[in-house]
Amino acid sequence: MKKVTVMSADEAAKFVQDGQTVVTSGFVGSGCPESLTKALENRFINTGAPKDLTLFYAAAQGNRDGSGAEHFAHVGMTKRVIAGHWNMAPRLGKLVIDNQIEGYNLPQGTLSQLLRDIAAHKVGTITHVGLNTFVDPRNQGGKLNEITKEDIVELININGQERLLYKSMPIDIAFIRGSYADELGNVTVHREVAPTEVTSMAQAVKNSGGKVFVQVERMVKAGSLDPRLVKIPRIYVDGIIIAKPDDHEQCFGHSFDPSLTGEVQVPLDTISIPPLSTKKIIGRRAAMELKEDVVVNLGIGIPEYISMVANEEGIGDYMTLTVEAGPIGGVPAGGSQFGASINPECILEQHMQFDFYDGGGVDQAFLGLAEADSHGNINVSKFGPRLAGCGGFINITQNAKSVHFCGTFTAGGLETTIKDGKLIIEKEGKYKKFIKDVEHITFSGDYARKVNQPVMYITERAAFELRQDGLYLTEIAPGIDLKTQVLDLMDFMPKMDGQPKIMAEAIFRDEVMGIANK
């Protein structure tokens, strides 16, 4: 058999032509083909080519430092970006906010599924995911600025049911990262934290008549790879690039950790117990909602405390944690390693994980609360000049059997202390988070009511529930004044069944709460 072409990243970058669509792999700080995207950026800086590219990627890519998707953040180089998440590529997001490039934000899981459907030459991905959110064409259709005009999401009706069609498009170039390649071009991803959607990505490009370039850590002899580990077969591959070690860290800023790939199991009793704080209080109140033997998705940030609290309380085995990148079981990692899990039991392809999520496989989801409004809507995706993106938030929150939004009551400098089982607000945050109408509907309260989804909003001083007739304030923290420290800091009046309950005092004491005994 013919051996695969081995080339430099600069040689691969020369295959990209003006106006083409490029898809890149990566999940936050993992799996990004840095050698290839750096080379393409350098080519543009030095020659002015290629121009007017469309960049397509499903998950967040980068570390807010010029890595990942940021390599495309040049006026003239990039014309359009279709992405699931933007927060890790702020320079790219600024080009969209400033109307210098076209931008779309679509659900991460749906984009990973769309790659599979492009590969199969289907008309697109048809799903309920995104209905009534900012992705719905009756709202913004996923468009992020004034110069973005084309409708790439369409509202359709099938058998009397509303659905969204995310339209297929040809993709010309794939820049993918793998682990090992053999001499024929077969590629594994066994040293990556997850395979994500690299197989579908390569298939979509190959079946579009395009070219697939894969950056790997090393080459090995033909026939020496376990065929069960090969995720990109040689028939999809046009070129192999052997990366420099600095461009091939397992996760940005981290050396290879075999506990993230399932090669070894490490003891978890060294996981630190966080001190009592505003965030831990929220995590504690949320942990009280955990049921036994549940499948859970935890978002990044404050929801991460729920896992730590559960372990401290001896109920860590109540739940099986899942991460949208593909891991099932174990403990999700954070920072640039987000997407990985320590000691995973299984690691699926990303689109398969989202198939499970979209079908209601998650029992309880705990995600962030950036802004909420009087309709129960949540915004985590766009705040004026700041573009974060939805990531997998829409897929997860719209379909979990129950969803809990966790965040502070105000933002921007909030300071609290906890004393004698009471919460004391030392300094109020500058910004209200419970406002009349959110700018971006990342989670639709109307849709949740249609499907009778239980929804809870948990902060350090108050808890709310979404019911058919509106948002209800149900609990306040001990030591908190209902009028001045809750109601006066909301842009709307929540509904109440009389006086809200007082949260359990044990949440505000620096000792084990005893959840396991209840």
Protein backbone atom coordinates (compact mmCIF):
# COMPACT_ATOMS: atom_id res chain seq x y z
CA MET A 1 0.00 0.00 0.00
CA LYS A 2 1.07 3.55 -0.66
CA LYS A 3 2.51 5.36 2.33
CA VAL A 4 0.85 8.54 3.50
CA THR A 5 2.39 11.89 2.61
CA VAL A 6 4.26 13.37 5.54
CA MET A 7 4.63 17.13 5.30
CA SER A 8 5.35 20.21 7.34
CA ALA A 9 2.57 22.37 8.75
CA ASP A 10 3.66 25.16 6.37
CA GLU A 11 3.22 22.83 3.40
CA ALA A 12 -0.24 21.82 4.58
CA ALA A 13 -1.24 25.46 5.06
CA LYS A 14 -0.54 26.15 1.37
CA PHE A 15 -3.43 23.88 0.37
CA VAL A 16 -5.96 26.32 1.85
CA GLN A 17 -7.39 28.57 -0.85
CA ASP A 18 -9.26 31.88 -0.71
CA GLY A 19 -12.92 31.58 0.22
CA GLN A 20 -12.73 28.01 1.49
CA THR A 21 -14.40 26.58 4.60
CA VAL A 22 -12.03 25.19 7.22
CA VAL A 23 -13.06 22.96 10.14
CA THR A 24 -10.74 22.50 13.12
CA SER A 25 -10.73 20.02 15.99
CA GLY A 26 -10.40 20.92 19.65
CA PHE A 27 -12.27 21.20 22.93
CA VAL A 28 -11.17 24.22 24.99
CA GLY A 29 -7.44 23.48 25.58
CA SER A 30 -7.43 19.90 24.32
CA GLY A 31 -7.09 18.47 20.83
CA CYS A 32 -6.30 21.75 19.05
CA PRO A 33 -4.03 21.30 15.97
CA GLU A 34 -1.75 24.17 16.93
CA SER A 35 1.00 23.39 14.39
CA LEU A 36 -1.48 23.63 11.53
CA THR A 37 -3.46 26.67 12.67
CA LYS A 38 -0.28 28.56 13.57
CA ALA A 39 1.14 27.85 10.13
CA LEU A 40 -2.02 29.10 8.44
CA GLU A 41 -1.97 32.28 10.52
CA ASN A 42 1.71 32.88 9.71
CA ARG A 43 1.05 32.37 6.01
CA PHE A 44 -1.67 35.03 6.08
CA ILE A 45 0.47 37.47 8.07
CA ASN A 46 3.42 37.03 5.67
CA THR A 47 1.58 36.82 2.34
CA GLY A 48 -1.98 38.10 2.82
CA ALA A 49 -3.36 34.71 1.81
CA PRO A 50 -5.63 32.87 2.18
CA LYS A 51 -8.47 35.38 2.33
CA ASP A 52 -12.17 35.28 3.15
CA LEU A 53 -12.20 31.94 4.95
CA THR A 54 -15.16 30.44 6.78
CA LEU A 55 -14.14 28.82 10.07
CA PHE A 56 -16.35 26.05 11.47
CA TYR A 57 -15.84 24.49 14.90
CA ALA A 58 -18.15 22.87 17.43
CA ALA A 59 -16.71 23.44 20.91
CA ALA A 60 -14.70 26.23 22.49
CA GLN A 61 -11.14 26.24 21.16
CA GLY A 62 -8.33 28.14 22.86
CA ASN A 63 -7.17 29.57 26.14
CA ARG A 64 -7.81 33.31 25.70
CA ASP A 65 -4.15 33.77 24.76
CA GLY A 66 -4.00 33.66 20.96
CA SER A 67 -4.23 29.88 20.74
CA GLY A 68 -6.92 27.72 19.15
CA ALA A 69 -9.49 29.63 17.11
CA GLU A 70 -7.65 32.90 17.78
CA HIS A 71 -5.26 32.02 14.95
CA PHE A 72 -8.10 33.01 12.60
CA ALA A 73 -8.68 36.40 14.28
CA HIS A 74 -7.51 38.58 11.38
CA VAL A 75 -9.55 40.94 9.23
CA GLY A 76 -9.28 39.75 5.65
CA MET A 77 -8.22 36.23 6.56
CA THR A 78 -11.61 35.26 7.97
CA LYS A 79 -14.97 36.26 6.53
CA ARG A 80 -17.33 34.12 8.60
CA VAL A 81 -17.23 31.98 11.75
CA ILE A 82 -19.77 29.31 12.67
CA ALA A 83 -18.99 28.20 16.21
CA GLY A 84 -20.48 26.64 19.30
CA HIS A 85 -18.55 28.73 21.82
CA TRP A 86 -16.58 31.98 21.63
CA ASN A 87 -15.34 32.77 25.13
CA MET A 88 -11.89 31.20 24.71
CA ALA A 89 -11.19 33.25 21.57
CA PRO A 90 -11.96 36.84 22.63
CA ARG A 91 -10.13 38.52 19.72
CA LEU A 92 -12.21 36.54 17.27
CA GLY A 93 -15.34 37.51 19.17
CA LYS A 94 -14.38 41.20 19.07
CA LEU A 95 -14.22 41.06 15.27
CA VAL A 96 -17.84 39.89 15.33
CA ILE A 97 -18.96 42.50 17.86
CA ASP A 98 -17.27 45.20 15.73
CA ASN A 99 -19.05 43.97 12.57
CA GLN A 100 -15.76 43.11 10.88
CA ILE A 101 -16.62 39.46 10.22
CA GLU A 102 -19.86 37.48 10.05
CA GLY A 103 -20.61 35.36 13.10
CA TYR A 104 -22.98 32.59 14.08
CA ASN A 105 -23.38 30.87 17.43
CA LEU A 106 -25.14 27.51 17.27
CA PRO A 107 -25.48 24.74 19.87
CA GLN A 108 -22.24 22.82 20.27
CA GLY A 109 -23.85 19.40 20.27
CA THR A 110 -25.86 20.18 17.16
CA LEU A 111 -22.75 21.34 15.30
CA SER A 112 -21.00 18.08 16.18
CA GLN A 113 -24.05 16.19 14.87
CA LEU A 114 -24.17 18.39 11.76
CA LEU A 115 -20.69 17.22 10.78
CA ARG A 116 -21.98 13.65 10.77
CA ASP A 117 -24.94 14.69 8.60
CA ILE A 118 -22.73 16.64 6.19
CA ALA A 119 -20.63 13.50 5.78
CA ALA A 120 -23.76 11.54 4.86
CA HIS A 121 -24.91 14.24 2.39
CA LYS A 122 -28.10 14.83 4.35
CA VAL A 123 -29.99 18.08 4.00
CA GLY A 124 -28.88 19.01 7.50
CA THR A 125 -29.58 18.23 11.14
CA ILE A 126 -33.25 18.29 12.11
CA THR A 127 -33.84 18.68 15.84
CA HIS A 128 -35.91 20.36 18.53
CA VAL A 129 -32.72 21.73 20.11
CA GLY A 130 -32.71 25.52 20.05
CA LEU A 131 -36.46 26.11 19.75
CA ASN A 132 -37.50 29.37 21.45
CA THR A 133 -33.85 30.34 22.13
CA PHE A 134 -31.76 32.94 20.29
CA VAL A 135 -30.94 30.22 17.74
CA ASP A 136 -34.57 30.02 16.64
CA PRO A 137 -35.06 32.02 13.39
CA ARG A 138 -38.04 33.73 15.03
CA ASN A 139 -35.46 35.32 17.33
CA GLN A 140 -31.93 35.90 15.95
CA GLY A 141 -31.39 32.58 14.16
CA GLY A 142 -27.97 32.33 15.76
CA LYS A 143 -26.72 35.48 14.03
CA LEU A 144 -24.42 37.61 16.15
CA ASN A 145 -24.21 40.95 14.37
CA GLU A 146 -25.75 43.24 11.74
CA ILE A 147 -23.64 42.08 8.77
CA THR A 148 -24.57 38.42 9.25
CA LYS A 149 -27.52 37.95 6.89
CA GLU A 150 -27.74 34.39 5.59
CA ASP A 151 -30.27 32.11 7.29
CA ILE A 152 -28.48 28.85 8.08
CA VAL A 153 -31.16 27.68 10.53
CA GLU A 154 -34.72 27.18 9.31
CA LEU A 155 -37.94 26.58 11.23
CA ILE A 156 -39.81 23.62 9.77
CA ASN A 157 -42.88 21.54 10.63
CA ILE A 158 -42.83 17.75 10.58
CA ASN A 159 -45.97 15.78 11.44
CA GLY A 160 -47.38 18.83 13.15
CA GLN A 161 -44.29 19.40 15.29
CA GLU A 162 -41.96 22.38 15.14
CA ARG A 163 -38.33 21.56 14.45
CA LEU A 164 -35.18 23.42 13.46
CA LEU A 165 -33.19 22.50 10.36
CA TYR A 166 -29.48 23.30 10.71
CA LYS A 167 -28.48 23.36 7.05
CA SER A 168 -25.61 21.31 5.65
CA MET A 169 -22.73 22.98 3.84
CA PRO A 170 -19.64 21.66 2.04
CA ILE A 171 -16.39 21.85 4.00
CA ASP A 172 -13.12 22.10 2.09
CA ILE A 173 -10.31 21.62 4.62
CA ALA A 174 -9.98 19.77 7.92
CA PHE A 175 -7.19 20.54 10.38
CA ILE A 176 -7.35 17.75 12.95
CA ARG A 177 -5.20 16.60 15.81
CA GLY A 178 -4.52 12.94 16.48
CA SER A 179 -2.09 10.98 18.64
CA TYR A 180 -0.17 8.43 16.54
CA ALA A 181 -0.20 7.83 12.79
CA ASP A 182 1.17 4.77 11.06
CA GLU A 183 3.08 4.85 7.77
CA LEU A 184 -0.14 4.38 5.79
CA GLY A 185 -1.95 7.29 7.44
CA ASN A 186 -4.18 5.52 9.97
CA VAL A 187 -4.54 7.77 13.02
CA THR A 188 -5.40 7.14 16.67
CA VAL A 189 -6.54 9.66 19.28
CA HIS A 190 -5.80 7.44 22.27
CA ARG A 191 -3.64 10.04 24.03
CA GLU A 192 -6.26 12.79 23.68
CA VAL A 193 -8.81 13.43 26.42
CA ALA A 194 -11.63 12.51 24.02
CA PRO A 195 -12.11 11.67 20.36
CA THR A 196 -14.74 14.46 20.09
CA GLU A 197 -16.04 14.47 16.48
CA VAL A 198 -12.78 13.91 14.56
CA THR A 199 -14.10 10.94 12.59
CA SER A 200 -17.19 12.80 11.38
CA MET A 201 -15.04 15.84 10.66
CA ALA A 202 -12.72 13.88 8.37
CA GLN A 203 -15.66 12.13 6.70
CA ALA A 204 -17.50 15.41 6.10
CA VAL A 205 -14.50 16.99 4.40
CA LYS A 206 -13.58 13.91 2.37
CA ASN A 207 -17.16 13.52 1.13
CA SER A 208 -17.22 17.24 0.27
CA GLY A 209 -14.25 16.67 -2.03
CA GLY A 210 -11.88 18.42 0.35
CA LYS A 211 -8.57 17.63 2.00
CA VAL A 212 -7.83 16.32 5.50
CA PHE A 213 -4.59 17.12 7.33
CA VAL A 214 -3.81 15.55 10.68
CA GLN A 215 -1.25 16.71 13.22
CA VAL A 216 0.16 13.85 15.32
CA GLU A 217 2.66 13.27 18.08
CA ARG A 218 4.58 10.53 16.29
CA MET A 219 4.70 8.09 13.37
CA VAL A 220 4.80 4.33 13.89
CA LYS A 221 5.26 1.30 11.67
CA ALA A 222 2.35 0.21 9.45
CA GLY A 223 0.26 -2.47 11.12
CA SER A 224 1.42 -1.64 14.64
CA LEU A 225 -1.69 0.31 15.70
CA ASP A 226 -4.58 -1.42 17.42
CA PRO A 227 -7.35 -1.07 14.82
CA ARG A 228 -9.86 -0.50 17.61
CA LEU A 229 -8.02 2.70 18.49
CA VAL A 230 -7.90 4.08 14.94
CA LYS A 231 -10.48 6.87 14.66
CA ILE A 232 -9.28 8.38 11.37
CA PRO A 233 -8.55 5.67 8.76
CA ARG A 234 -5.97 6.26 6.05
CA ILE A 235 -8.63 6.57 3.31
CA TYR A 236 -9.65 9.94 4.79
CA VAL A 237 -6.16 11.39 5.19
CA ASP A 238 -4.28 13.61 2.70
CA GLY A 239 -1.33 14.56 4.85
CA ILE A 240 0.31 13.88 8.20
CA ILE A 241 2.17 16.56 10.15
CA ILE A 242 4.46 15.55 13.01
CA ALA A 243 4.08 18.29 15.60
CA LYS A 244 6.65 19.90 17.80
CA PRO A 245 6.09 18.99 21.48
CA ASP A 246 5.16 22.57 22.39
CA ASP A 247 2.33 22.45 19.85
CA HIS A 248 1.07 19.10 21.08
CA GLU A 249 0.48 19.36 24.83
CA GLN A 250 -2.34 17.10 25.94
CA CYS A 251 -4.09 20.23 27.25
CA PHE A 252 -2.70 23.77 27.05
CA GLY A 253 -0.19 24.19 29.88
CA HIS A 254 -0.32 20.55 30.95
CA SER A 255 1.87 17.55 30.23
CA PHE A 256 0.34 14.17 29.42
CA ASP A 257 -1.83 12.78 32.22
CA PRO A 258 -2.79 9.12 31.72
CA SER A 259 -5.59 9.39 34.29
CA LEU A 260 -7.50 11.54 31.76
CA THR A 261 -7.37 8.86 29.06
CA GLY A 262 -8.22 5.87 31.25
CA GLU A 263 -4.74 4.36 31.08
CA VAL A 264 -4.35 4.57 34.85
CA GLN A 265 -6.59 5.20 37.83
CA VAL A 266 -5.45 7.66 40.48
CA PRO A 267 -6.72 7.97 44.08
CA LEU A 268 -9.28 10.71 44.53
CA ASP A 269 -8.89 11.12 48.28
CA THR A 270 -6.40 13.91 47.65
CA ILE A 271 -9.10 16.17 46.17
CA SER A 272 -9.08 19.25 48.37
CA ILE A 273 -12.13 20.41 50.32
CA PRO A 274 -12.80 24.07 49.49
CA PRO A 275 -13.29 26.48 52.41
CA LEU A 276 -16.71 27.94 53.07
CA SER A 277 -17.37 30.74 50.59
CA THR A 278 -20.13 32.30 48.52
CA LYS A 279 -19.58 29.76 45.74
CA LYS A 280 -19.48 26.83 48.14
CA ILE A 281 -22.78 27.95 49.70
CA ILE A 282 -24.39 27.77 46.26
CA GLY A 283 -22.78 24.38 45.67
CA ARG A 284 -24.07 23.15 49.03
CA ARG A 285 -27.66 24.24 48.39
CA ALA A 286 -27.50 22.67 44.93
CA ALA A 287 -26.04 19.41 46.29
CA MET A 288 -29.09 19.07 48.50
CA GLU A 289 -31.11 18.55 45.30
CA LEU A 290 -29.09 15.49 44.25
CA LYS A 291 -31.01 12.25 44.00
CA GLU A 292 -29.48 8.80 44.28
CA ASP A 293 -28.34 6.91 41.18
CA VAL A 294 -28.62 9.83 38.76
CA VAL A 295 -26.81 10.85 35.58
CA VAL A 296 -25.55 14.41 36.00
CA ASN A 297 -23.97 17.13 33.89
CA LEU A 298 -22.10 19.86 35.75
CA GLY A 299 -21.22 23.11 34.03
CA ILE A 300 -17.93 24.91 34.50
CA GLY A 301 -17.47 27.41 37.34
CA ILE A 302 -19.76 27.39 40.38
CA PRO A 303 -21.41 24.06 39.44
CA GLU A 304 -17.99 22.41 39.89
CA TYR A 305 -18.42 22.95 43.64
CA ILE A 306 -21.34 20.52 43.66
CA SER A 307 -19.01 17.60 42.98
CA MET A 308 -16.62 18.75 45.72
CA VAL A 309 -19.45 19.19 48.21
CA ALA A 310 -20.91 15.79 47.31
CA ASN A 311 -17.54 14.12 47.98
CA GLU A 312 -17.18 15.97 51.28
CA GLU A 313 -20.68 14.89 52.28
CA GLY A 314 -20.07 11.27 51.35
CA ILE A 315 -22.62 11.23 48.52
CA GLY A 316 -20.20 11.38 45.61
CA ASP A 317 -21.46 7.98 44.52
CA TYR A 318 -25.03 9.28 44.22
CA MET A 319 -24.27 10.48 40.72
CA THR A 320 -22.50 9.52 37.54
CA LEU A 321 -20.90 12.65 36.16
CA THR A 322 -20.76 13.19 32.42
CA VAL A 323 -18.96 15.77 30.30
CA GLU A 324 -20.17 16.89 26.89
CA ALA A 325 -16.80 16.15 25.26
CA GLY A 326 -17.47 12.44 25.83
CA PRO A 327 -16.33 11.21 29.29
CA ILE A 328 -18.74 9.25 31.46
CA GLY A 329 -17.87 8.62 35.11
CA GLY A 330 -14.89 9.94 37.04
CA VAL A 331 -14.42 13.55 38.11
CA PRO A 332 -14.56 16.36 35.53
CA ALA A 333 -11.44 18.51 35.19
CA GLY A 334 -11.48 22.30 34.96
CA GLY A 335 -9.53 25.14 33.38
CA SER A 336 -7.82 24.31 30.09
CA GLN A 337 -8.47 20.63 30.88
CA PHE A 338 -12.25 21.16 30.84
CA GLY A 339 -13.72 18.41 28.67
CA ALA A 340 -11.60 15.75 30.36
CA SER A 341 -12.41 13.63 33.40
CA ILE A 342 -10.07 12.05 35.92
CA ASN A 343 -10.60 8.26 36.01
CA PRO A 344 -13.32 8.10 33.33
CA GLU A 345 -15.19 4.82 32.93
CA CYS A 346 -15.98 5.48 29.28
CA ILE A 347 -15.14 8.12 26.66
CA LEU A 348 -17.61 8.52 23.81
CA GLU A 349 -17.49 10.58 20.63
CA GLN A 350 -18.94 14.03 21.33
CA HIS A 351 -21.89 13.72 18.94
CA MET A 352 -22.87 10.42 20.62
CA GLN A 353 -22.78 12.08 24.02
CA PHE A 354 -25.08 14.80 22.71
CA ASP A 355 -27.44 12.22 21.17
CA PHE A 356 -27.90 10.95 24.72
CA TYR A 357 -28.28 14.45 26.13
CA ASP A 358 -30.75 15.59 23.45
CA GLY A 359 -32.94 12.56 24.14
CA GLY A 360 -33.26 13.39 27.84
CA GLY A 361 -30.58 11.06 29.17
CA VAL A 362 -29.35 13.51 31.81
CA ASP A 363 -31.38 13.28 35.02
CA GLN A 364 -30.08 16.45 36.64
CA ALA A 365 -28.15 19.31 35.06
CA PHE A 366 -26.43 22.01 37.12
CA LEU A 367 -25.21 24.94 35.05
CA GLY A 368 -24.29 28.57 35.42
CA LEU A 369 -26.59 31.53 36.01
CA ALA A 370 -25.29 34.70 34.37
CA GLU A 371 -28.61 36.49 33.85
CA ALA A 372 -32.23 35.48 34.47
CA ASP A 373 -35.43 37.31 33.65
CA SER A 374 -39.08 37.46 34.64
CA HIS A 375 -39.98 34.72 32.12
CA GLY A 376 -37.46 32.27 33.55
CA ASN A 377 -35.11 32.72 30.60
CA ILE A 378 -31.36 32.44 31.14
CA ASN A 379 -28.59 34.24 29.24
CA VAL A 380 -25.05 32.91 29.35
CA SER A 381 -24.10 33.66 25.75
CA LYS A 382 -23.96 37.41 24.98
CA PHE A 383 -23.74 40.52 27.13
CA GLY A 384 -23.49 43.68 25.03
CA PRO A 385 -19.86 43.86 23.85
CA ARG A 386 -18.94 40.54 25.45
CA LEU A 387 -19.54 37.39 23.42
CA ALA A 388 -19.36 34.12 25.32
CA GLY A 389 -21.42 31.71 23.25
CA CYS A 390 -23.80 28.93 24.22
CA GLY A 391 -21.52 25.89 23.91
CA GLY A 392 -23.47 22.81 24.95
CA PHE A 393 -25.70 24.83 27.29
CA ILE A 394 -28.78 24.72 25.02
CA ASN A 395 -28.53 20.99 24.33
CA ILE A 396 -28.08 20.17 28.01
CA THR A 397 -30.52 22.55 29.72
CA GLN A 398 -33.33 22.13 27.21
CA ASN A 399 -33.36 18.35 27.55
CA ALA A 400 -32.31 17.39 31.09
CA LYS A 401 -35.10 15.85 33.16
CA SER A 402 -34.52 18.65 35.68
CA VAL A 403 -32.24 21.66 35.51
CA HIS A 404 -30.69 23.82 38.23
CA PHE A 405 -29.05 27.16 37.43
CA CYS A 406 -26.36 28.15 39.93
CA GLY A 407 -24.80 31.57 40.36
CA THR A 408 -24.41 34.58 42.60
CA PHE A 409 -27.39 36.90 43.05
CA THR A 410 -25.46 39.97 41.88
CA ALA A 411 -22.20 40.32 39.93
CA GLY A 412 -19.19 42.61 39.98
CA GLY A 413 -17.50 42.75 43.36
CA LEU A 414 -19.93 40.88 45.60
CA GLU A 415 -18.37 40.18 49.01
CA THR A 416 -19.93 38.07 51.76
CA THR A 417 -19.06 36.59 55.11
CA ILE A 418 -20.70 33.73 56.95
CA LYS A 419 -21.12 33.99 60.71
CA ASP A 420 -23.17 32.00 63.22
CA GLY A 421 -25.12 30.23 60.48
CA LYS A 422 -26.09 33.46 58.73
CA LEU A 423 -25.08 35.09 55.44
CA ILE A 424 -23.81 38.66 55.68
CA ILE A 425 -23.49 40.85 52.57
CA GLU A 426 -20.37 42.96 53.14
CA LYS A 427 -20.36 44.55 49.68
CA GLU A 428 -23.08 44.26 47.09
CA GLY A 429 -22.27 43.40 43.48
CA LYS A 430 -22.50 46.26 40.97
CA TYR A 431 -24.73 44.44 38.50
CA LYS A 432 -28.18 42.93 38.86
CA LYS A 433 -28.54 39.42 37.46
CA PHE A 434 -32.32 39.15 37.73
CA ILE A 435 -33.48 41.56 35.04
CA LYS A 436 -36.73 42.18 33.17
CA ASP A 437 -35.66 40.69 29.79
CA VAL A 438 -32.38 38.99 28.92
CA GLU A 439 -30.49 40.05 25.79
CA HIS A 440 -29.93 36.49 24.58
CA ILE A 441 -32.28 33.60 25.37
CA THR A 442 -29.85 30.73 25.89
CA PHE A 443 -32.46 28.85 27.94
CA SER A 444 -36.14 29.39 27.24
CA GLY A 445 -38.51 29.46 30.18
CA ASP A 446 -41.45 29.24 27.76
CA TYR A 447 -40.10 26.01 26.26
CA ALA A 448 -39.49 24.57 29.74
CA ARG A 449 -43.11 25.24 30.66
CA LYS A 450 -44.33 23.63 27.43
CA VAL A 451 -42.55 20.39 28.27
CA ASN A 452 -43.20 20.61 32.05
CA GLN A 453 -39.50 20.62 32.89
CA PRO A 454 -38.64 21.25 36.57
CA VAL A 455 -36.37 24.32 36.78
CA MET A 456 -34.66 25.81 39.81
CA TYR A 457 -32.47 28.91 40.21
CA ILE A 458 -30.02 28.79 43.14
CA THR A 459 -28.01 31.73 44.51
CA GLU A 460 -26.19 32.34 47.77
CA ARG A 461 -29.12 34.26 49.24
CA ALA A 462 -32.26 33.12 47.42
CA ALA A 463 -33.73 30.23 45.49
CA PHE A 464 -36.43 30.33 42.82
CA GLU A 465 -38.62 27.86 40.93
CA LEU A 466 -40.17 28.18 37.48
CA ARG A 467 -43.87 27.30 37.47
CA GLN A 468 -46.56 27.50 34.81
CA ASP A 469 -47.62 30.98 35.93
CA GLY A 470 -44.18 32.49 36.44
CA LEU A 471 -40.97 32.63 38.49
CA TYR A 472 -41.46 32.02 42.21
CA LEU A 473 -39.14 33.09 45.02
CA THR A 474 -39.19 30.08 47.36
CA GLU A 475 -36.25 30.47 49.79
CA ILE A 476 -33.95 33.08 51.27
CA ALA A 477 -30.80 32.65 53.32
CA PRO A 478 -30.75 33.20 57.08
CA GLY A 479 -29.59 36.74 57.83
CA ILE A 480 -30.89 38.16 54.53
CA ASP A 481 -33.51 40.93 54.43
CA LEU A 482 -36.18 39.99 51.89
CA LYS A 483 -36.94 43.54 50.73
CA THR A 484 -33.59 45.33 50.66
CA GLN A 485 -31.28 42.43 49.79
CA VAL A 486 -33.49 40.49 47.38
CA LEU A 487 -36.61 42.19 46.01
CA ASP A 488 -35.10 45.68 45.69
CA LEU A 489 -32.21 44.21 43.68
CA MET A 490 -34.48 42.62 41.05
CA ASP A 491 -35.91 44.39 38.00
CA PHE A 492 -39.17 42.49 38.37
CA MET A 493 -41.31 41.23 41.22
CA PRO A 494 -41.20 37.44 41.55
CA LYS A 495 -44.25 35.51 42.61
CA MET A 496 -44.34 34.13 46.18
CA ASP A 497 -46.49 31.74 48.17
CA GLY A 498 -46.50 33.90 51.28
CA GLN A 499 -43.17 34.32 53.08
CA PRO A 500 -40.26 32.41 51.47
CA LYS A 501 -38.76 29.56 53.49
CA ILE A 502 -35.44 30.08 55.24
CA MET A 503 -32.63 27.98 53.78
CA ALA A 504 -31.19 25.30 56.04
CA GLU A 505 -28.81 26.88 58.53
CA ALA A 506 -26.39 23.95 58.08
CA ILE A 507 -25.49 25.33 54.64
CA PHE A 508 -23.92 28.33 56.36
CA ARG A 509 -21.87 26.50 58.98
CA ASP A 510 -18.32 25.35 58.31
CA GLU A 511 -18.94 21.69 59.03
CA VAL A 512 -20.36 18.68 57.21
CA MET A 513 -24.09 19.19 56.62
CA GLY A 514 -25.01 15.51 56.89
CA ILE A 515 -26.82 15.20 53.55
CA ALA A 516 -26.02 11.48 53.48
CA ASN A 517 -28.06 10.91 56.63
CA LYS A 518 -31.24 12.52 55.27
